C-alpha atoms as a PDB file:
ATOM      1  CA  MET A   1     139.106  28.935  69.188  1.00  0.00           C
ATOM      2  CA  ALA A   2     141.718  28.894  71.906  1.00  0.00           C
ATOM      3  CA  GLU A   3     144.220  31.616  72.855  1.00  0.00           C
ATOM      4  CA  ILE A   4     142.968  34.605  70.869  1.00  0.00           C
ATOM      5  CA  LEU A   5     145.349  37.113  72.447  1.00  0.00           C
ATOM      6  CA  PRO A   6     148.343  36.556  74.723  1.00  0.00           C
ATOM      7  CA  GLY A   7     146.882  35.239  77.952  1.00  0.00           C
ATOM      8  CA  VAL A   8     143.278  35.551  76.741  1.00  0.00           C
ATOM      9  CA  HIS A   9     141.450  32.341  75.858  1.00  0.00           C
ATOM     10  CA  LEU A  10     138.037  31.896  74.271  1.00  0.00           C
ATOM     11  CA  VAL A  11     136.847  28.623  75.755  1.00  0.00           C
ATOM     12  CA  ASP A  12     135.984  25.917  73.233  1.00  0.00           C
ATOM     13  CA  GLY A  13     132.810  23.847  73.329  1.00  0.00           C
ATOM     14  CA  VAL A  14     130.397  26.049  75.292  1.00  0.00           C
ATOM     15  CA  ASP A  15     128.165  27.152  72.396  1.00  0.00           C
ATOM     16  CA  PRO A  16     124.745  25.464  72.440  1.00  0.00           C
ATOM     17  CA  SER A  17     124.493  25.726  68.638  1.00  0.00           C
ATOM     18  CA  PRO A  18     126.437  27.207  65.694  1.00  0.00           C
ATOM     19  CA  ASP A  19     123.911  30.059  65.595  1.00  0.00           C
ATOM     20  CA  PHE A  20     124.267  31.057  69.257  1.00  0.00           C
ATOM     21  CA  THR A  21     127.764  31.912  70.403  1.00  0.00           C
ATOM     22  CA  THR A  22     128.466  32.184  74.117  1.00  0.00           C
ATOM     23  CA  HIS A  23     131.954  33.510  74.638  1.00  0.00           C
ATOM     24  CA  VAL A  24     133.341  32.457  77.998  1.00  0.00           C
ATOM     25  CA  TYR A  25     136.762  34.043  78.500  1.00  0.00           C
ATOM     26  CA  LEU A  26     139.657  32.623  80.508  1.00  0.00           C
ATOM     27  CA  VAL A  27     142.275  35.277  81.234  1.00  0.00           C
ATOM     28  CA  LYS A  28     145.737  34.949  82.746  1.00  0.00           C
ATOM     29  CA  ASP A  29     146.465  36.955  85.868  1.00  0.00           C
ATOM     30  CA  GLN A  30     149.847  38.550  86.500  1.00  0.00           C
ATOM     31  CA  GLY A  31     150.948  35.588  88.628  1.00  0.00           C
ATOM     32  CA  SER A  32     150.168  31.913  88.184  1.00  0.00           C
ATOM     33  CA  SER A  33     146.400  32.225  88.596  1.00  0.00           C
ATOM     34  CA  TRP A  34     143.581  32.730  86.103  1.00  0.00           C
ATOM     35  CA  THR A  35     140.262  34.578  85.929  1.00  0.00           C
ATOM     36  CA  LEU A  36     137.061  33.341  84.283  1.00  0.00           C
ATOM     37  CA  ILE A  37     134.635  35.894  82.846  1.00  0.00           C
ATOM     38  CA  ASP A  38     131.094  34.476  82.768  1.00  0.00           C
ATOM     39  CA  THR A  39     130.287  30.764  82.891  1.00  0.00           C
ATOM     40  CA  GLY A  40     127.906  29.915  80.054  1.00  0.00           C
ATOM     41  CA  LEU A  41     124.653  27.985  80.136  1.00  0.00           C
ATOM     42  CA  PRO A  42     123.863  25.129  82.521  1.00  0.00           C
ATOM     43  CA  GLY A  43     126.172  22.260  81.669  1.00  0.00           C
ATOM     44  CA  ALA A  44     128.879  24.471  80.164  1.00  0.00           C
ATOM     45  CA  HIS A  45     131.096  23.721  83.170  1.00  0.00           C
ATOM     46  CA  GLU A  46     131.973  20.374  81.584  1.00  0.00           C
ATOM     47  CA  ALA A  47     133.395  22.104  78.493  1.00  0.00           C
ATOM     48  CA  ILE A  48     135.184  24.704  80.617  1.00  0.00           C
ATOM     49  CA  LEU A  49     136.813  22.047  82.785  1.00  0.00           C
ATOM     50  CA  ALA A  50     137.755  20.044  79.688  1.00  0.00           C
ATOM     51  CA  TYR A  51     139.336  23.139  78.179  1.00  0.00           C
ATOM     52  CA  LEU A  52     141.335  23.799  81.339  1.00  0.00           C
ATOM     53  CA  ALA A  53     142.607  20.225  81.204  1.00  0.00           C
ATOM     54  CA  LYS A  54     143.441  20.611  77.513  1.00  0.00           C
ATOM     55  CA  ILE A  55     145.683  23.618  78.156  1.00  0.00           C
ATOM     56  CA  ARG A  56     147.065  22.005  81.330  1.00  0.00           C
ATOM     57  CA  VAL A  57     145.651  24.469  83.815  1.00  0.00           C
ATOM     58  CA  GLU A  58     144.441  23.067  87.120  1.00  0.00           C
ATOM     59  CA  ALA A  59     140.856  24.007  87.923  1.00  0.00           C
ATOM     60  CA  THR A  60     141.978  25.460  91.237  1.00  0.00           C
ATOM     61  CA  ALA A  61     144.284  27.867  89.378  1.00  0.00           C
ATOM     62  CA  VAL A  62     141.101  29.803  88.513  1.00  0.00           C
ATOM     63  CA  ARG A  63     140.945  32.134  91.515  1.00  0.00           C
ATOM     64  CA  LYS A  64     138.261  34.595  90.409  1.00  0.00           C
ATOM     65  CA  ILE A  65     134.997  34.302  88.455  1.00  0.00           C
ATOM     66  CA  LEU A  66     133.593  37.610  87.191  1.00  0.00           C
ATOM     67  CA  ILE A  67     129.967  37.840  86.076  1.00  0.00           C
ATOM     68  CA  THR A  68     128.793  40.510  83.641  1.00  0.00           C
ATOM     69  CA  HIS A  69     125.095  40.025  84.419  1.00  0.00           C
ATOM     70  CA  LEU A  70     122.426  37.700  85.727  1.00  0.00           C
ATOM     71  CA  HIS A  71     121.077  35.978  82.588  1.00  0.00           C
ATOM     72  CA  ARG A  72     121.262  32.206  82.635  1.00  0.00           C
ATOM     73  CA  ASP A  73     123.507  31.943  79.584  1.00  0.00           C
ATOM     74  CA  HIS A  74     126.131  33.761  81.697  1.00  0.00           C
ATOM     75  CA  THR A  75     125.420  32.298  85.144  1.00  0.00           C
ATOM     76  CA  GLY A  76     124.157  28.822  84.241  1.00  0.00           C
ATOM     77  CA  SER A  77     127.393  27.099  85.285  1.00  0.00           C
ATOM     78  CA  LEU A  78     128.371  29.559  88.010  1.00  0.00           C
ATOM     79  CA  ALA A  79     127.622  27.269  90.945  1.00  0.00           C
ATOM     80  CA  GLU A  80     129.415  24.317  89.366  1.00  0.00           C
ATOM     81  CA  MET A  81     132.489  26.331  88.421  1.00  0.00           C
ATOM     82  CA  ALA A  82     132.672  27.967  91.834  1.00  0.00           C
ATOM     83  CA  GLU A  83     132.515  24.542  93.466  1.00  0.00           C
ATOM     84  CA  ARG A  84     135.110  22.937  91.173  1.00  0.00           C
ATOM     85  CA  THR A  85     137.581  25.832  91.249  1.00  0.00           C
ATOM     86  CA  ARG A  86     136.917  27.195  94.766  1.00  0.00           C
ATOM     87  CA  ALA A  87     137.278  30.631  93.154  1.00  0.00           C
ATOM     88  CA  ARG A  88     135.902  33.862  94.584  1.00  0.00           C
ATOM     89  CA  THR A  89     132.896  35.116  92.630  1.00  0.00           C
ATOM     90  CA  PHE A  90     132.247  38.755  91.711  1.00  0.00           C
ATOM     91  CA  ALA A  91     129.244  40.719  90.424  1.00  0.00           C
ATOM     92  CA  HIS A  92     127.858  44.255  90.575  1.00  0.00           C
ATOM     93  CA  TRP A  93     125.837  44.797  93.749  1.00  0.00           C
ATOM     94  CA  ILE A  94     122.544  45.094  91.845  1.00  0.00           C
ATOM     95  CA  GLU A  95     123.211  42.000  89.778  1.00  0.00           C
ATOM     96  CA  ALA A  96     124.395  40.025  92.809  1.00  0.00           C
ATOM     97  CA  ALA A  97     120.961  40.473  94.379  1.00  0.00           C
ATOM     98  CA  TYR A  98     119.231  39.133  91.270  1.00  0.00           C
ATOM     99  CA  ILE A  99     121.679  36.226  91.023  1.00  0.00           C
ATOM    100  CA  GLY A 100     120.674  35.438  94.600  1.00  0.00           C
ATOM    101  CA  LEU A 101     116.994  35.610  93.519  1.00  0.00           C
ATOM    102  CA  ASP A 102     116.355  38.283  96.152  1.00  0.00           C
ATOM    103  CA  PRO A 103     114.327  39.682  94.488  1.00  0.00           C
ATOM    104  CA  LYS A 104     113.649  37.457  91.496  1.00  0.00           C
ATOM    105  CA  TYR A 105     114.339  39.208  88.214  1.00  0.00           C
ATOM    106  CA  ASP A 106     111.245  39.893  86.125  1.00  0.00           C
ATOM    107  CA  GLY A 107     112.800  41.570  83.082  1.00  0.00           C
ATOM    108  CA  PRO A 108     113.477  40.073  79.634  1.00  0.00           C
ATOM    109  CA  GLY A 109     115.856  37.158  79.397  1.00  0.00           C
ATOM    110  CA  THR A 110     116.058  34.070  81.564  1.00  0.00           C
ATOM    111  CA  PRO A 111     117.105  34.527  85.211  1.00  0.00           C
ATOM    112  CA  PRO A 112     119.113  31.938  87.152  1.00  0.00           C
ATOM    113  CA  ALA A 113     117.289  28.716  87.925  1.00  0.00           C
ATOM    114  CA  GLU A 114     118.600  28.645  91.508  1.00  0.00           C
ATOM    115  CA  ALA A 115     119.882  31.266  93.898  1.00  0.00           C
ATOM    116  CA  PHE A 116     123.644  31.737  94.182  1.00  0.00           C
ATOM    117  CA  ALA A 117     125.372  33.892  96.805  1.00  0.00           C
ATOM    118  CA  VAL A 118     128.095  35.965  95.131  1.00  0.00           C
ATOM    119  CA  ASP A 119     131.204  36.427  97.287  1.00  0.00           C
ATOM    120  CA  GLU A 120     132.204  39.962  96.286  1.00  0.00           C
ATOM    121  CA  ARG A 121     129.904  42.823  95.286  1.00  0.00           C
ATOM    122  CA  PHE A 122     131.511  45.733  93.469  1.00  0.00           C
ATOM    123  CA  LYS A 123     130.304  49.133  92.272  1.00  0.00           C
ATOM    124  CA  ASP A 124     131.023  51.289  89.241  1.00  0.00           C
ATOM    125  CA  GLY A 125     134.672  52.162  88.848  1.00  0.00           C
ATOM    126  CA  ASP A 126     136.005  49.620  91.324  1.00  0.00           C
ATOM    127  CA  PRO A 127     139.383  48.093  90.453  1.00  0.00           C
ATOM    128  CA  ILE A 128     139.558  44.305  90.382  1.00  0.00           C
ATOM    129  CA  ASP A 129     142.893  42.597  90.880  1.00  0.00           C
ATOM    130  CA  ALA A 130     142.415  40.150  88.028  1.00  0.00           C
ATOM    131  CA  ALA A 131     143.561  39.652  84.441  1.00  0.00           C
ATOM    132  CA  GLY A 132     146.385  42.149  84.827  1.00  0.00           C
ATOM    133  CA  GLY A 133     144.208  44.803  86.463  1.00  0.00           C
ATOM    134  CA  LEU A 134     140.585  45.427  85.507  1.00  0.00           C
ATOM    135  CA  ILE A 135     138.161  48.286  86.067  1.00  0.00           C
ATOM    136  CA  ALA A 136     134.489  47.369  86.558  1.00  0.00           C
ATOM    137  CA  TYR A 137     132.255  49.739  84.608  1.00  0.00           C
ATOM    138  CA  HIS A 138     128.551  49.665  85.416  1.00  0.00           C
ATOM    139  CA  THR A 139     126.928  49.567  81.958  1.00  0.00           C
ATOM    140  CA  PRO A 140     123.198  49.192  82.670  1.00  0.00           C
ATOM    141  CA  GLY A 141     120.511  48.798  80.060  1.00  0.00           C
ATOM    142  CA  HIS A 142     120.613  45.162  79.071  1.00  0.00           C
ATOM    143  CA  THR A 143     120.037  44.440  82.762  1.00  0.00           C
ATOM    144  CA  PRO A 144     120.060  46.895  85.686  1.00  0.00           C
ATOM    145  CA  GLY A 145     123.455  45.835  87.026  1.00  0.00           C
ATOM    146  CA  HIS A 146     125.166  44.845  83.783  1.00  0.00           C
ATOM    147  CA  THR A 147     128.944  45.323  83.949  1.00  0.00           C
ATOM    148  CA  SER A 148     131.745  45.614  81.409  1.00  0.00           C
ATOM    149  CA  PHE A 149     135.348  44.937  82.437  1.00  0.00           C
ATOM    150  CA  TYR A 150     138.139  47.110  81.036  1.00  0.00           C
ATOM    151  CA  GLN A 151     141.862  46.364  81.050  1.00  0.00           C
ATOM    152  CA  PRO A 152     143.458  49.782  80.424  1.00  0.00           C
ATOM    153  CA  ALA A 153     147.062  48.650  79.922  1.00  0.00           C
ATOM    154  CA  ARG A 154     146.106  46.460  76.971  1.00  0.00           C
ATOM    155  CA  GLN A 155     142.904  48.321  76.026  1.00  0.00           C
ATOM    156  CA  LEU A 156     140.731  45.227  76.348  1.00  0.00           C
ATOM    157  CA  LEU A 157     136.981  45.597  76.883  1.00  0.00           C
ATOM    158  CA  PHE A 158     135.002  42.553  78.024  1.00  0.00           C
ATOM    159  CA  SER A 159     131.600  43.951  77.131  1.00  0.00           C
ATOM    160  CA  GLY A 160     129.205  41.142  78.080  1.00  0.00           C
ATOM    161  CA  ASP A 161     125.852  41.740  76.385  1.00  0.00           C
ATOM    162  CA  LEU A 162     126.123  45.495  76.031  1.00  0.00           C
ATOM    163  CA  PHE A 163     126.918  44.826  72.363  1.00  0.00           C
ATOM    164  CA  PHE A 164     126.182  42.175  69.738  1.00  0.00           C
ATOM    165  CA  VAL A 165     128.902  41.714  67.123  1.00  0.00           C
ATOM    166  CA  ARG A 166     128.276  40.462  63.595  1.00  0.00           C
ATOM    167  CA  GLY A 167     131.495  40.383  61.596  1.00  0.00           C
ATOM    168  CA  GLU A 168     133.032  43.815  62.170  1.00  0.00           C
ATOM    169  CA  LYS A 169     129.667  45.472  62.869  1.00  0.00           C
ATOM    170  CA  VAL A 170     128.612  46.303  66.411  1.00  0.00           C
ATOM    171  CA  THR A 171     124.997  46.784  67.504  1.00  0.00           C
ATOM    172  CA  LEU A 172     123.226  47.094  70.803  1.00  0.00           C
ATOM    173  CA  THR A 173     121.671  43.907  72.103  1.00  0.00           C
ATOM    174  CA  PRO A 174     118.151  43.691  70.561  1.00  0.00           C
ATOM    175  CA  PRO A 175     115.387  45.409  72.557  1.00  0.00           C
ATOM    176  CA  GLU A 176     113.444  42.171  73.094  1.00  0.00           C
ATOM    177  CA  PHE A 177     116.314  40.924  75.276  1.00  0.00           C
ATOM    178  CA  THR A 178     117.062  44.247  76.943  1.00  0.00           C
ATOM    179  CA  HIS A 179     115.646  45.764  80.124  1.00  0.00           C
ATOM    180  CA  HIS A 180     115.878  49.387  78.908  1.00  0.00           C
ATOM    181  CA  THR A 181     117.390  50.237  75.524  1.00  0.00           C
ATOM    182  CA  PRO A 182     117.758  54.027  76.107  1.00  0.00           C
ATOM    183  CA  THR A 183     119.908  53.268  79.170  1.00  0.00           C
ATOM    184  CA  ALA A 184     121.967  50.796  77.115  1.00  0.00           C
ATOM    185  CA  THR A 185     122.509  53.610  74.612  1.00  0.00           C
ATOM    186  CA  ILE A 186     123.941  55.813  77.370  1.00  0.00           C
ATOM    187  CA  SER A 187     126.210  52.957  78.487  1.00  0.00           C
ATOM    188  CA  ALA A 188     127.417  52.413  74.910  1.00  0.00           C
ATOM    189  CA  ARG A 189     128.295  56.095  74.585  1.00  0.00           C
ATOM    190  CA  ARG A 190     130.272  55.894  77.803  1.00  0.00           C
ATOM    191  CA  MET A 191     132.265  52.887  76.563  1.00  0.00           C
ATOM    192  CA  ALA A 192     132.925  54.697  73.280  1.00  0.00           C
ATOM    193  CA  GLN A 193     134.976  57.218  75.273  1.00  0.00           C
ATOM    194  CA  LEU A 194     137.476  54.534  76.310  1.00  0.00           C
ATOM    195  CA  SER A 195     140.546  53.630  74.283  1.00  0.00           C
ATOM    196  CA  VAL A 196     139.595  50.128  73.133  1.00  0.00           C
ATOM    197  CA  ASP A 197     141.670  47.920  70.894  1.00  0.00           C
ATOM    198  CA  SER A 198     140.091  44.505  71.483  1.00  0.00           C
ATOM    199  CA  LEU A 199     136.317  44.312  71.942  1.00  0.00           C
ATOM    200  CA  LEU A 200     135.696  40.984  73.659  1.00  0.00           C
ATOM    201  CA  SER A 201     131.963  40.522  73.303  1.00  0.00           C
ATOM    202  CA  TYR A 202     129.878  37.615  74.577  1.00  0.00           C
ATOM    203  CA  HIS A 203     127.653  37.015  71.528  1.00  0.00           C
ATOM    204  CA  GLY A 204     129.382  37.310  68.166  1.00  0.00           C
ATOM    205  CA  GLY A 205     132.828  38.626  67.463  1.00  0.00           C
ATOM    206  CA  PRO A 206     135.174  39.236  69.143  1.00  0.00           C
ATOM    207  CA  ILE A 207     136.905  42.120  67.373  1.00  0.00           C
ATOM    208  CA  LEU A 208     140.579  41.786  68.232  1.00  0.00           C
ATOM    209  CA  LYS A 209     141.859  44.961  66.559  1.00  0.00           C
ATOM    210  CA  ASP A 210     140.346  48.467  66.410  1.00  0.00           C
ATOM    211  CA  GLY A 211     137.261  47.395  68.333  1.00  0.00           C
ATOM    212  CA  GLY A 212     136.830  50.915  69.639  1.00  0.00           C
ATOM    213  CA  ARG A 213     136.320  52.190  66.112  1.00  0.00           C
ATOM    214  CA  ALA A 214     133.367  49.831  65.657  1.00  0.00           C
ATOM    215  CA  VAL A 215     131.879  50.973  68.978  1.00  0.00           C
ATOM    216  CA  ARG A 216     132.213  54.641  68.003  1.00  0.00           C
ATOM    217  CA  ALA A 217     130.632  53.926  64.618  1.00  0.00           C
ATOM    218  CA  LEU A 218     127.639  52.493  66.444  1.00  0.00           C
ATOM    219  CA  THR A 219     127.299  55.381  68.882  1.00  0.00           C
ATOM    220  CA  HIS A 220     127.429  57.928  66.077  1.00  0.00           C
ATOM    221  CA  LYS A 221     124.224  56.330  64.749  1.00  0.00           C
ATOM    222  CA  LEU A 222     122.409  56.230  68.082  1.00  0.00           C
END
């Protein structure tokens, strides 16, 4: 895939296998800069940099890197992308501590291999001047500091691993990969209250139209 919505790119070449999608998003800011949401597994930086070159965007035009949560398939190329782009990095204050391995995360899923010091730590509801104006929503459950990013003007929801998407069906991330499923259920119900058109998930999907309907269908079953 490439530009899936105006100014929203799904980066090619970062999936480790056809059965395991890892959706790294590159989003245009209001000016000439860009924002990267998550960074893929270790080594994915090569595909991200190649994609930037393919669409003729200088690496240094990426000014912000937003992380949904600590797991290595999201943070594996964080250090490399931060170094190559010189972008500011952002994560929820809980997740930033785990990304820094202080303390080391002991929940399900693979933590970062090495500590990384996040530049900016946000909290629930903070605005982020990126991708046309985002709101950071703390959506814990999958991990304690998991975050979804919402763009209200265009009704875009970058949901990280709060949801898995298979076709047009949305589920919670399976319990074996989730820190606390009941908390993820509460987070899903909160996101169902937003007006969402495009559900931009990390694994599976995305759903580009009427994504909120699929989220509400899930929460009605929970």
